[in-house]
């Protein structure tokens, strides 16, 4: 992210090869795409974390219910 923030003065990043220009992207589009990826990854990780929590609690509850517990 800091590398992209340092490119704010430029409007377009282009990659050139001996045969011509191979790639061109606007810096603002690249920053917007990075933000969208980060927010989407955060949402998916929160969802799967919740699913993992629910499954872990269910399996732990089923395991402990089947075992006799000794409380000291």
PDB file of N, CA and C in Angstrom:
ATOM      1  N   UNK A   1       0.798  -1.185   0.000  1.00  0.00           N
ATOM      2  CA  UNK A   1       0.000   0.000   0.000  1.00  0.00           C
ATOM      3  C   UNK A   1       0.853   1.268   0.000  1.00  0.00           C
ATOM      4  N   UNK A   2       1.908   1.354   0.782  1.00  0.00           N
ATOM      5  CA  UNK A   2       2.701   2.595   0.738  1.00  0.00           C
ATOM      6  C   UNK A   2       3.287   2.853  -0.648  1.00  0.00           C
ATOM      7  N   UNK A   3       3.623   1.797  -1.375  1.00  0.00           N
ATOM      8  CA  UNK A   3       4.163   1.984  -2.716  1.00  0.00           C
ATOM      9  C   UNK A   3       3.117   2.598  -3.632  1.00  0.00           C
ATOM     10  N   UNK A   4       1.870   2.159  -3.529  1.00  0.00           N
ATOM     11  CA  UNK A   4       0.812   2.728  -4.350  1.00  0.00           C
ATOM     12  C   UNK A   4       0.518   4.169  -3.950  1.00  0.00           C
ATOM     13  N   UNK A   5       0.594   4.467  -2.655  1.00  0.00           N
ATOM     14  CA  UNK A   5       0.335   5.827  -2.206  1.00  0.00           C
ATOM     15  C   UNK A   5       1.410   6.783  -2.716  1.00  0.00           C
ATOM     16  N   UNK A   6       2.610   6.291  -2.932  1.00  0.00           N
ATOM     17  CA  UNK A   6       3.680   7.155  -3.431  1.00  0.00           C
ATOM     18  C   UNK A   6       3.494   7.488  -4.913  1.00  0.00           C
ATOM     19  N   UNK A   7       2.608   6.793  -5.598  1.00  0.00           N
ATOM     20  CA  UNK A   7       2.372   7.040  -7.020  1.00  0.00           C
ATOM     21  C   UNK A   7       1.233   8.018  -7.261  1.00  0.00           C
ATOM     22  N   UNK A   8       0.765   8.709  -6.219  1.00  0.00           N
ATOM     23  CA  UNK A   8      -0.365   9.614  -6.375  1.00  0.00           C
ATOM     24  C   UNK A   8      -0.080  10.730  -7.375  1.00  0.00           C
ATOM     25  N   UNK A   9       1.165  11.097  -7.546  1.00  0.00           N
ATOM     26  CA  UNK A   9       1.502  12.152  -8.501  1.00  0.00           C
ATOM     27  C   UNK A   9       1.309  11.709  -9.946  1.00  0.00           C
ATOM     28  N   UNK A  10       1.376  10.431 -10.185  1.00  0.00           N
ATOM     29  CA  UNK A  10       1.193   9.902 -11.534  1.00  0.00           C
ATOM     30  C   UNK A  10      -0.279   9.570 -11.745  1.00  0.00           C
ATOM     31  N   UNK A  11      -0.738   9.701 -12.943  1.00  0.00           N
ATOM     32  CA  UNK A  11      -2.128   9.338 -13.220  1.00  0.00           C
ATOM     33  C   UNK A  11      -2.234   7.959 -13.862  1.00  0.00           C
ATOM     34  N   UNK A  12      -1.153   7.528 -14.529  1.00  0.00           N
ATOM     35  CA  UNK A  12      -1.191   6.246 -15.235  1.00  0.00           C
ATOM     36  C   UNK A  12       0.130   5.526 -15.026  1.00  0.00           C
ATOM     37  N   UNK A  13       0.041   4.216 -14.777  1.00  0.00           N
ATOM     38  CA  UNK A  13       1.234   3.366 -14.720  1.00  0.00           C
ATOM     39  C   UNK A  13       1.229   2.540 -15.994  1.00  0.00           C
ATOM     40  N   UNK A  14       2.337   2.541 -16.697  1.00  0.00           N
ATOM     41  CA  UNK A  14       2.402   1.748 -17.925  1.00  0.00           C
ATOM     42  C   UNK A  14       3.654   0.895 -17.918  1.00  0.00           C
ATOM     43  N   UNK A  15       3.532  -0.258 -18.522  1.00  0.00           N
ATOM     44  CA  UNK A  15       4.649  -1.183 -18.663  1.00  0.00           C
ATOM     45  C   UNK A  15       4.986  -1.258 -20.141  1.00  0.00           C
ATOM     46  N   UNK A  16       6.241  -1.080 -20.428  1.00  0.00           N
ATOM     47  CA  UNK A  16       6.657  -1.071 -21.832  1.00  0.00           C
ATOM     48  C   UNK A  16       7.604  -2.232 -22.102  1.00  0.00           C
ATOM     49  N   UNK A  17       7.546  -2.713 -23.307  1.00  0.00           N
ATOM     50  CA  UNK A  17       8.428  -3.768 -23.793  1.00  0.00           C
ATOM     51  C   UNK A  17       9.003  -3.297 -25.130  1.00  0.00           C
ATOM     52  N   UNK A  18      10.008  -3.989 -25.643  1.00  0.00           N
ATOM     53  CA  UNK A  18      10.574  -3.573 -26.933  1.00  0.00           C
ATOM     54  C   UNK A  18       9.550  -3.566 -28.077  1.00  0.00           C
ATOM     55  N   UNK A  19       8.500  -4.359 -27.954  1.00  0.00           N
ATOM     56  CA  UNK A  19       7.498  -4.406 -29.016  1.00  0.00           C
ATOM     57  C   UNK A  19       6.412  -3.358 -28.838  1.00  0.00           C
ATOM     58  N   UNK A  20       6.415  -2.659 -27.708  1.00  0.00           N
ATOM     59  CA  UNK A  20       5.417  -1.622 -27.465  1.00  0.00           C
ATOM     60  C   UNK A  20       4.919  -1.668 -26.034  1.00  0.00           C
ATOM     61  N   UNK A  21       3.835  -0.968 -25.797  1.00  0.00           N
ATOM     62  CA  UNK A  21       3.266  -0.915 -24.457  1.00  0.00           C
ATOM     63  C   UNK A  21       2.457  -2.188 -24.199  1.00  0.00           C
ATOM     64  N   UNK A  22       2.747  -2.883 -23.077  1.00  0.00           N
ATOM     65  CA  UNK A  22       2.069  -4.154 -22.792  1.00  0.00           C
ATOM     66  C   UNK A  22       0.958  -4.012 -21.765  1.00  0.00           C
ATOM     67  N   UNK A  23       1.055  -3.010 -20.895  1.00  0.00           N
ATOM     68  CA  UNK A  23       0.065  -2.881 -19.831  1.00  0.00           C
ATOM     69  C   UNK A  23      -0.057  -1.426 -19.427  1.00  0.00           C
ATOM     70  N   UNK A  24      -1.284  -1.012 -19.136  1.00  0.00           N
ATOM     71  CA  UNK A  24      -1.521   0.360 -18.711  1.00  0.00           C
ATOM     72  C   UNK A  24      -2.706   0.376 -17.752  1.00  0.00           C
ATOM     73  N   UNK A  25      -2.544   1.037 -16.610  1.00  0.00           N
ATOM     74  CA  UNK A  25      -3.615   1.114 -15.616  1.00  0.00           C
ATOM     75  C   UNK A  25      -3.557   2.477 -14.936  1.00  0.00           C
ATOM     76  N   UNK A  26      -4.726   3.002 -14.610  1.00  0.00           N
ATOM     77  CA  UNK A  26      -4.797   4.259 -13.884  1.00  0.00           C
ATOM     78  C   UNK A  26      -4.547   3.991 -12.398  1.00  0.00           C
ATOM     79  N   UNK A  27      -3.820   4.876 -11.744  1.00  0.00           N
ATOM     80  CA  UNK A  27      -3.479   4.700 -10.333  1.00  0.00           C
ATOM     81  C   UNK A  27      -4.744   4.711  -9.479  1.00  0.00           C
ATOM     82  N   UNK A  28      -5.686   5.571  -9.779  1.00  0.00           N
ATOM     83  CA  UNK A  28      -6.922   5.622  -8.989  1.00  0.00           C
ATOM     84  C   UNK A  28      -7.711   4.318  -9.109  1.00  0.00           C
ATOM     85  N   UNK A  29      -7.725   3.723 -10.299  1.00  0.00           N
ATOM     86  CA  UNK A  29      -8.406   2.432 -10.479  1.00  0.00           C
ATOM     87  C   UNK A  29      -7.708   1.331  -9.695  1.00  0.00           C
ATOM     88  N   UNK A  30      -6.395   1.385  -9.664  1.00  0.00           N
ATOM     89  CA  UNK A  30      -5.627   0.379  -8.934  1.00  0.00           C
ATOM     90  C   UNK A  30      -5.870   0.496  -7.435  1.00  0.00           C
ATOM     91  N   UNK A  31      -5.923   1.722  -6.917  1.00  0.00           N
ATOM     92  CA  UNK A  31      -6.206   1.917  -5.501  1.00  0.00           C
ATOM     93  C   UNK A  31      -7.624   1.480  -5.160  1.00  0.00           C
ATOM     94  N   UNK A  32      -8.589   1.760  -6.020  1.00  0.00           N
ATOM     95  CA  UNK A  32      -9.970   1.341  -5.784  1.00  0.00           C
ATOM     96  C   UNK A  32     -10.087  -0.180  -5.803  1.00  0.00           C
ATOM     97  N   UNK A  33      -9.377  -0.838  -6.723  1.00  0.00           N
ATOM     98  CA  UNK A  33      -9.402  -2.291  -6.805  1.00  0.00           C
ATOM     99  C   UNK A  33      -8.778  -2.904  -5.547  1.00  0.00           C
ATOM    100  N   UNK A  34      -7.704  -2.321  -5.052  1.00  0.00           N
ATOM    101  CA  UNK A  34      -7.055  -2.816  -3.840  1.00  0.00           C
ATOM    102  C   UNK A  34      -7.991  -2.690  -2.645  1.00  0.00           C
ATOM    103  N   UNK A  35      -8.671  -1.557  -2.528  1.00  0.00           N
ATOM    104  CA  UNK A  35      -9.632  -1.380  -1.433  1.00  0.00           C
ATOM    105  C   UNK A  35     -10.757  -2.399  -1.511  1.00  0.00           C
ATOM    106  N   UNK A  36     -11.277  -2.638  -2.702  1.00  0.00           N
ATOM    107  CA  UNK A  36     -12.368  -3.601  -2.877  1.00  0.00           C
ATOM    108  C   UNK A  36     -11.914  -5.008  -2.490  1.00  0.00           C
ATOM    109  N   UNK A  37     -10.702  -5.371  -2.846  1.00  0.00           N
ATOM    110  CA  UNK A  37     -10.171  -6.697  -2.500  1.00  0.00           C
ATOM    111  C   UNK A  37     -10.022  -6.829  -0.991  1.00  0.00           C
ATOM    112  N   UNK A  38      -9.519  -5.799  -0.334  1.00  0.00           N
ATOM    113  CA  UNK A  38      -9.320  -5.849   1.112  1.00  0.00           C
ATOM    114  C   UNK A  38     -10.650  -5.970   1.837  1.00  0.00           C
ATOM    115  N   UNK A  39     -11.643  -5.171   1.452  1.00  0.00           N
ATOM    116  CA  UNK A  39     -12.946  -5.227   2.116  1.00  0.00           C
ATOM    117  C   UNK A  39     -13.652  -6.558   1.869  1.00  0.00           C
ATOM    118  N   UNK A  40     -13.542  -7.096   0.676  1.00  0.00           N
ATOM    119  CA  UNK A  40     -14.156  -8.384   0.379  1.00  0.00           C
ATOM    120  C   UNK A  40     -13.479  -9.502   1.173  1.00  0.00           C
ATOM    121  N   UNK A  41     -12.155  -9.473   1.251  1.00  0.00           N
ATOM    122  CA  UNK A  41     -11.433 -10.488   2.021  1.00  0.00           C
ATOM    123  C   UNK A  41     -11.796 -10.401   3.499  1.00  0.00           C
ATOM    124  N   UNK A  42     -11.953  -9.190   4.013  1.00  0.00           N
ATOM    125  CA  UNK A  42     -12.337  -9.012   5.410  1.00  0.00           C
ATOM    126  C   UNK A  42     -13.723  -9.600   5.668  1.00  0.00           C
ATOM    127  N   UNK A  43     -14.661  -9.346   4.783  1.00  0.00           N
ATOM    128  CA  UNK A  43     -16.015  -9.878   4.947  1.00  0.00           C
ATOM    129  C   UNK A  43     -16.023 -11.409   4.891  1.00  0.00           C
ATOM    130  N   UNK A  44     -15.319 -11.997   3.941  1.00  0.00           N
ATOM    131  CA  UNK A  44     -15.272 -13.458   3.847  1.00  0.00           C
ATOM    132  C   UNK A  44     -14.598 -14.077   5.065  1.00  0.00           C
ATOM    133  N   UNK A  45     -13.529 -13.473   5.551  1.00  0.00           N
ATOM    134  CA  UNK A  45     -12.847 -14.013   6.724  1.00  0.00           C
ATOM    135  C   UNK A  45     -13.718 -13.916   7.968  1.00  0.00           C
ATOM    136  N   UNK A  46     -14.485 -12.840   8.103  1.00  0.00           N
ATOM    137  CA  UNK A  46     -15.398 -12.731   9.243  1.00  0.00           C
ATOM    138  C   UNK A  46     -16.487 -13.795   9.161  1.00  0.00           C
ATOM    139  N   UNK A  47     -17.021 -14.029   7.968  1.00  0.00           N
ATOM    140  CA  UNK A  47     -18.064 -15.043   7.796  1.00  0.00           C
ATOM    141  C   UNK A  47     -17.536 -16.439   8.110  1.00  0.00           C
ATOM    142  N   UNK A  48     -16.391 -16.799   7.558  1.00  0.00           N
ATOM    143  CA  UNK A  48     -15.862 -18.138   7.797  1.00  0.00           C
ATOM    144  C   UNK A  48     -15.355 -18.296   9.226  1.00  0.00           C
ATOM    145  N   UNK A  49     -14.929 -17.217   9.859  1.00  0.00           N
ATOM    146  CA  UNK A  49     -14.590 -17.273  11.279  1.00  0.00           C
ATOM    147  C   UNK A  49     -15.814 -17.578  12.120  1.00  0.00           C
ATOM    148  N   UNK A  50     -16.946 -16.968  11.766  1.00  0.00           N
ATOM    149  CA  UNK A  50     -18.193 -17.233  12.476  1.00  0.00           C
ATOM    150  C   UNK A  50     -18.640 -18.678  12.275  1.00  0.00           C
ATOM    151  N   UNK A  51     -18.544 -19.175  11.058  1.00  0.00           N
ATOM    152  CA  UNK A  51     -18.887 -20.573  10.782  1.00  0.00           C
ATOM    153  C   UNK A  51     -17.971 -21.506  11.568  1.00  0.00           C
ATOM    154  N   UNK A  52     -16.688 -21.209  11.617  1.00  0.00           N
ATOM    155  CA  UNK A  52     -15.752 -22.026  12.386  1.00  0.00           C
ATOM    156  C   UNK A  52     -16.059 -22.017  13.873  1.00  0.00           C
ATOM    157  N   UNK A  53     -16.447 -20.860  14.387  1.00  0.00           N
ATOM    158  CA  UNK A  53     -16.808 -20.751  15.797  1.00  0.00           C
ATOM    159  C   UNK A  53     -18.038 -21.590  16.121  1.00  0.00           C
ATOM    160  N   UNK A  54     -19.052 -21.496  15.284  1.00  0.00           N
ATOM    161  CA  UNK A  54     -20.285 -22.258  15.507  1.00  0.00           C
ATOM    162  C   UNK A  54     -20.011 -23.761  15.451  1.00  0.00           C
ATOM    163  N   UNK A  55     -19.243 -24.185  14.460  1.00  0.00           N
ATOM    164  CA  UNK A  55     -18.931 -25.621  14.351  1.00  0.00           C
ATOM    165  C   UNK A  55     -18.084 -26.108  15.522  1.00  0.00           C
ATOM    166  N   UNK A  56     -17.118 -25.319  15.946  1.00  0.00           N
ATOM    167  CA  UNK A  56     -16.267 -25.710  17.072  1.00  0.00           C
ATOM    168  C   UNK A  56     -17.079 -25.836  18.347  1.00  0.00           C
ATOM    169  N   UNK A  57     -17.966 -24.878  18.594  1.00  0.00           N
ATOM    170  CA  UNK A  57     -18.807 -24.954  19.791  1.00  0.00           C
ATOM    171  C   UNK A  57     -19.751 -26.145  19.724  1.00  0.00           C
ATOM    172  N   UNK A  58     -20.293 -26.429  18.549  1.00  0.00           N
ATOM    173  CA  UNK A  58     -21.210 -27.566  18.412  1.00  0.00           C
ATOM    174  C   UNK A  58     -20.486 -28.884  18.649  1.00  0.00           C
ATOM    175  N   UNK A  59     -19.317 -29.042  18.058  1.00  0.00           N
ATOM    176  CA  UNK A  59     -18.560 -30.284  18.242  1.00  0.00           C
ATOM    177  C   UNK A  59     -18.064 -30.423  19.674  1.00  0.00           C
ATOM    178  N   UNK A  60     -17.621 -29.339  20.283  1.00  0.00           N
ATOM    179  CA  UNK A  60     -17.149 -29.401  21.667  1.00  0.00           C
ATOM    180  C   UNK A  60     -18.306 -29.724  22.601  1.00  0.00           C
ATOM    181  N   UNK A  61     -19.481 -29.132  22.353  1.00  0.00           N
ATOM    182  CA  UNK A  61     -20.644 -29.434  23.183  1.00  0.00           C
ATOM    183  C   UNK A  61     -21.082 -30.876  23.047  1.00  0.00           C
ATOM    184  N   UNK A  62     -21.057 -31.401  21.836  1.00  0.00           N
ATOM    185  CA  UNK A  62     -21.438 -32.799  21.614  1.00  0.00           C
ATOM    186  C   UNK A  62     -20.422 -33.741  22.250  1.00  0.00           C
ATOM    187  N   UNK A  63     -19.160 -33.377  22.192  1.00  0.00           N
ATOM    188  CA  UNK A  63     -18.112 -34.218  22.776  1.00  0.00           C
ATOM    189  C   UNK A  63     -18.218 -34.237  24.294  1.00  0.00           C
ATOM    190  N   UNK A  64     -18.419 -33.055  24.888  1.00  0.00           N
ATOM    191  CA  UNK A  64     -18.492 -32.979  26.344  1.00  0.00           C
ATOM    192  C   UNK A  64     -19.797 -33.558  26.884  1.00  0.00           C
ATOM    193  N   UNK A  65     -20.860 -33.517  26.107  1.00  0.00           N
ATOM    194  CA  UNK A  65     -22.132 -34.095  26.568  1.00  0.00           C
ATOM    195  C   UNK A  65     -22.066 -35.623  26.616  1.00  0.00           C
ATOM    196  N   UNK A  66     -21.267 -36.214  25.783  1.00  0.00           N
ATOM    197  CA  UNK A  66     -21.148 -37.669  25.752  1.00  0.00           C
ATOM    198  C   UNK A  66     -20.198 -38.208  26.804  1.00  0.00           C
ATOM    199  N   UNK A  67     -19.386 -37.358  27.399  1.00  0.00           N
ATOM    200  CA  UNK A  67     -18.415 -37.777  28.403  1.00  0.00           C
ATOM    201  C   UNK A  67     -18.898 -37.420  29.804  1.00  0.00           C
ATOM    202  N   UNK A  68     -18.608 -38.268  30.764  1.00  0.00           N
ATOM    203  CA  UNK A  68     -18.916 -37.935  32.149  1.00  0.00           C
ATOM    204  C   UNK A  68     -17.831 -36.985  32.631  1.00  0.00           C
ATOM    205  N   UNK A  69     -18.263 -35.926  33.288  1.00  0.00           N
ATOM    206  CA  UNK A  69     -17.312 -34.921  33.770  1.00  0.00           C
ATOM    207  C   UNK A  69     -17.117 -35.062  35.273  1.00  0.00           C
ATOM    208  N   UNK A  70     -15.906 -34.863  35.684  1.00  0.00           N
ATOM    209  CA  UNK A  70     -15.582 -34.870  37.102  1.00  0.00           C
ATOM    210  C   UNK A  70     -15.267 -33.444  37.494  1.00  0.00           C
ATOM    211  N   UNK A  71     -16.054 -32.905  38.416  1.00  0.00           N
ATOM    212  CA  UNK A  71     -15.849 -31.530  38.857  1.00  0.00           C
ATOM    213  C   UNK A  71     -15.248 -31.577  40.235  1.00  0.00           C
ATOM    214  N   UNK A  72     -14.119 -30.942  40.410  1.00  0.00           N
ATOM    215  CA  UNK A  72     -13.455 -30.926  41.727  1.00  0.00           C
ATOM    216  C   UNK A  72     -13.775 -29.670  42.465  1.00  0.00           C
TER     217      UNK A  72
END
